[in-house]
Amino acid sequence: MESEQAILALAALAQQTRLDTFRMLVKAEPKGLSAGALAHALAVPANTLSAHLNVMTRAGLVQGERHSRTIIYRARIAEVRTLVGFLLKDCCEGRAELCDPIIDDATCCVKGEPL
C-alpha cells in the first residue's frame, strides 16, 4: 500500500457517519447491507448516506454490488487488513514485545469466538 492510499482510507473514516457505516458493514460480513438498511439503522437521509458510501468506495474500503434495484454494500476486509499492515509495518523496529499487544488487540477472534 502506498502512503496516498492509506491517507485516502484514513480520511474516509475520519467522519462519524462514515465510521459508523463502515463498522456496521464489517459486522454484516459476508452478507453486507443495502443502502436503505444502512440509512435506516443510522437515521441518515438516503442521499447523505449515498455520498458517504461514495467516499468510502473511492477510498477502497467498501464495495457495492447491484442486485436488481438494490445495491448491497460490503466492507473490503482485505483492504482493511492491508491498511492495518501498512500502519504497523516496521513498527517497534523489530521488537516483538512492543508489537504483540497491538496485534493481540487487532485479533477479532480467540479460539473461534468473537471478542
C-alpha atoms as a PDB file:
ATOM      1  CA  MET A   1       0.000   0.000   0.000  1.00  0.00           C
ATOM      2  CA  GLU A   2       1.231   3.447  -0.855  1.00  0.00           C
ATOM      3  CA  SER A   3       1.020   6.371   1.559  1.00  0.00           C
ATOM      4  CA  GLU A   4      -1.504   8.196  -0.632  1.00  0.00           C
ATOM      5  CA  GLN A   5      -3.952   5.249  -0.495  1.00  0.00           C
ATOM      6  CA  ALA A   6      -3.553   4.957   3.276  1.00  0.00           C
ATOM      7  CA  ILE A   7      -4.243   8.678   3.691  1.00  0.00           C
ATOM      8  CA  LEU A   8      -7.336   8.398   1.492  1.00  0.00           C
ATOM      9  CA  ALA A   9      -8.662   5.445   3.516  1.00  0.00           C
ATOM     10  CA  LEU A  10      -7.974   7.068   6.872  1.00  0.00           C
ATOM     11  CA  ALA A  11      -9.543  10.335   5.730  1.00  0.00           C
ATOM     12  CA  ALA A  12     -12.642   8.440   4.616  1.00  0.00           C
ATOM     13  CA  LEU A  13     -13.038   7.025   8.128  1.00  0.00           C
ATOM     14  CA  ALA A  14     -12.400  10.372   9.823  1.00  0.00           C
ATOM     15  CA  GLN A  15     -16.081  11.285   9.912  1.00  0.00           C
ATOM     16  CA  GLN A  16     -18.645   9.890  12.374  1.00  0.00           C
ATOM     17  CA  THR A  17     -21.300   8.677   9.907  1.00  0.00           C
ATOM     18  CA  ARG A  18     -18.731   7.028   7.650  1.00  0.00           C
ATOM     19  CA  LEU A  19     -17.018   5.352  10.602  1.00  0.00           C
ATOM     20  CA  ASP A  20     -20.370   4.094  11.925  1.00  0.00           C
ATOM     21  CA  THR A  21     -21.330   2.879   8.456  1.00  0.00           C
ATOM     22  CA  PHE A  22     -18.042   1.082   7.978  1.00  0.00           C
ATOM     23  CA  ARG A  23     -18.316  -0.619  11.368  1.00  0.00           C
ATOM     24  CA  MET A  24     -21.842  -1.777  10.547  1.00  0.00           C
ATOM     25  CA  LEU A  25     -20.632  -3.207   7.254  1.00  0.00           C
ATOM     26  CA  VAL A  26     -17.811  -5.076   8.967  1.00  0.00           C
ATOM     27  CA  LYS A  27     -20.324  -6.608  11.382  1.00  0.00           C
ATOM     28  CA  ALA A  28     -22.577  -7.560   8.461  1.00  0.00           C
ATOM     29  CA  GLU A  29     -19.889  -9.542   6.645  1.00  0.00           C
ATOM     30  CA  PRO A  30     -20.159 -11.545   4.477  1.00  0.00           C
ATOM     31  CA  LYS A  31     -23.761 -10.723   3.559  1.00  0.00           C
ATOM     32  CA  GLY A  32     -23.435  -6.944   3.524  1.00  0.00           C
ATOM     33  CA  LEU A  33     -26.266  -4.443   3.862  1.00  0.00           C
ATOM     34  CA  SER A  34     -28.379  -2.461   1.467  1.00  0.00           C
ATOM     35  CA  ALA A  35     -28.009   1.300   1.353  1.00  0.00           C
ATOM     36  CA  GLY A  36     -31.589   1.585   2.581  1.00  0.00           C
ATOM     37  CA  ALA A  37     -30.948  -0.650   5.593  1.00  0.00           C
ATOM     38  CA  LEU A  38     -27.840   1.350   6.455  1.00  0.00           C
ATOM     39  CA  ALA A  39     -29.662   4.671   6.130  1.00  0.00           C
ATOM     40  CA  HIS A  40     -32.498   3.439   8.326  1.00  0.00           C
ATOM     41  CA  ALA A  41     -30.199   1.971  11.005  1.00  0.00           C
ATOM     42  CA  LEU A  42     -28.095   5.119  11.160  1.00  0.00           C
ATOM     43  CA  ALA A  43     -31.053   7.527  10.857  1.00  0.00           C
ATOM     44  CA  VAL A  44     -29.313   9.269   7.951  1.00  0.00           C
ATOM     45  CA  PRO A  45     -31.085  10.553   4.823  1.00  0.00           C
ATOM     46  CA  ALA A  46     -30.508   8.221   1.862  1.00  0.00           C
ATOM     47  CA  ASN A  47     -28.832  10.894  -0.271  1.00  0.00           C
ATOM     48  CA  THR A  48     -26.435  11.787   2.559  1.00  0.00           C
ATOM     49  CA  LEU A  49     -25.545   8.151   3.103  1.00  0.00           C
ATOM     50  CA  SER A  50     -25.018   7.715  -0.626  1.00  0.00           C
ATOM     51  CA  ALA A  51     -22.422  10.493  -0.576  1.00  0.00           C
ATOM     52  CA  HIS A  52     -20.665   8.856   2.383  1.00  0.00           C
ATOM     53  CA  LEU A  53     -20.676   5.455   0.669  1.00  0.00           C
ATOM     54  CA  ASN A  54     -19.156   7.042  -2.424  1.00  0.00           C
ATOM     55  CA  VAL A  55     -16.300   8.487  -0.351  1.00  0.00           C
ATOM     56  CA  MET A  56     -15.604   5.096   1.203  1.00  0.00           C
ATOM     57  CA  THR A  57     -15.866   3.331  -2.151  1.00  0.00           C
ATOM     58  CA  ARG A  58     -13.327   5.704  -3.724  1.00  0.00           C
ATOM     59  CA  ALA A  59     -11.051   5.049  -0.742  1.00  0.00           C
ATOM     60  CA  GLY A  60     -11.300   1.297  -1.366  1.00  0.00           C
ATOM     61  CA  LEU A  61     -12.941   0.499   1.967  1.00  0.00           C
ATOM     62  CA  VAL A  62     -16.329  -0.658   0.693  1.00  0.00           C
ATOM     63  CA  GLN A  63     -17.817  -2.006  -2.495  1.00  0.00           C
ATOM     64  CA  GLY A  64     -21.347  -2.080  -3.781  1.00  0.00           C
ATOM     65  CA  GLU A  65     -22.947  -4.835  -5.800  1.00  0.00           C
ATOM     66  CA  ARG A  66     -26.223  -4.308  -7.615  1.00  0.00           C
ATOM     67  CA  HIS A  67     -28.978  -6.864  -7.040  1.00  0.00           C
ATOM     68  CA  SER A  68     -31.930  -5.839  -9.178  1.00  0.00           C
ATOM     69  CA  ARG A  69     -32.906  -2.394  -7.825  1.00  0.00           C
ATOM     70  CA  THR A  70     -30.899  -2.704  -4.629  1.00  0.00           C
ATOM     71  CA  ILE A  71     -27.199  -2.146  -4.033  1.00  0.00           C
ATOM     72  CA  ILE A  72     -25.651  -4.307  -1.343  1.00  0.00           C
ATOM     73  CA  TYR A  73     -22.572  -2.795   0.272  1.00  0.00           C
ATOM     74  CA  ARG A  74     -19.790  -4.795   1.850  1.00  0.00           C
ATOM     75  CA  ALA A  75     -16.624  -3.876   3.709  1.00  0.00           C
ATOM     76  CA  ARG A  76     -13.469  -4.739   1.800  1.00  0.00           C
ATOM     77  CA  ILE A  77     -11.806  -6.654   4.605  1.00  0.00           C
ATOM     78  CA  ALA A  78      -8.678  -7.445   2.579  1.00  0.00           C
ATOM     79  CA  GLU A  79      -8.103  -3.717   2.011  1.00  0.00           C
ATOM     80  CA  VAL A  80      -8.543  -3.011   5.709  1.00  0.00           C
ATOM     81  CA  ARG A  81      -6.047  -5.755   6.500  1.00  0.00           C
ATOM     82  CA  THR A  82      -3.612  -4.142   4.068  1.00  0.00           C
ATOM     83  CA  LEU A  83      -4.160  -0.737   5.700  1.00  0.00           C
ATOM     84  CA  VAL A  84      -3.531  -2.119   9.187  1.00  0.00           C
ATOM     85  CA  GLY A  85      -0.442  -3.899   7.908  1.00  0.00           C
ATOM     86  CA  PHE A  86       0.783  -0.664   6.350  1.00  0.00           C
ATOM     87  CA  LEU A  87       0.281   1.171   9.643  1.00  0.00           C
ATOM     88  CA  LEU A  88       2.131  -1.490  11.617  1.00  0.00           C
ATOM     89  CA  LYS A  89       4.880  -2.198   9.103  1.00  0.00           C
ATOM     90  CA  ASP A  90       8.252  -1.640  10.666  1.00  0.00           C
ATOM     91  CA  CYS A  91       6.623  -0.788  13.980  1.00  0.00           C
ATOM     92  CA  CYS A  92       8.708  -1.141  17.074  1.00  0.00           C
ATOM     93  CA  GLU A  93      11.859  -1.640  14.996  1.00  0.00           C
ATOM     94  CA  GLY A  94      11.603  -5.427  15.269  1.00  0.00           C
ATOM     95  CA  ARG A  95      10.930  -5.526  18.999  1.00  0.00           C
ATOM     96  CA  ALA A  96       8.095  -8.056  19.134  1.00  0.00           C
ATOM     97  CA  GLU A  97       7.317  -7.369  22.794  1.00  0.00           C
ATOM     98  CA  LEU A  98       6.140  -3.892  21.777  1.00  0.00           C
ATOM     99  CA  CYS A  99       4.068  -5.037  18.779  1.00  0.00           C
ATOM    100  CA  ASP A 100       2.463  -8.129  20.326  1.00  0.00           C
ATOM    101  CA  PRO A 101      -0.140  -6.171  22.357  1.00  0.00           C
ATOM    102  CA  ILE A 102      -1.190  -4.269  19.232  1.00  0.00           C
ATOM    103  CA  ILE A 103      -1.526  -7.468  17.236  1.00  0.00           C
ATOM    104  CA  ASP A 104      -3.451  -9.127  20.067  1.00  0.00           C
ATOM    105  CA  ASP A 105      -5.870  -6.180  20.184  1.00  0.00           C
ATOM    106  CA  ALA A 106      -6.353  -6.377  16.412  1.00  0.00           C
ATOM    107  CA  THR A 107      -7.274 -10.065  16.558  1.00  0.00           C
ATOM    108  CA  CYS A 108     -11.007 -10.411  16.060  1.00  0.00           C
ATOM    109  CA  CYS A 109     -11.382 -13.962  17.281  1.00  0.00           C
ATOM    110  CA  VAL A 110      -9.953 -16.079  20.057  1.00  0.00           C
ATOM    111  CA  LYS A 111     -10.389 -19.819  19.516  1.00  0.00           C
ATOM    112  CA  GLY A 112     -13.174 -19.135  17.030  1.00  0.00           C
ATOM    113  CA  GLU A 113     -15.137 -16.882  19.377  1.00  0.00           C
ATOM    114  CA  PRO A 114     -15.665 -13.164  18.679  1.00  0.00           C
ATOM    115  CA  LEU A 115     -14.132 -10.819  21.229  1.00  0.00           C
END
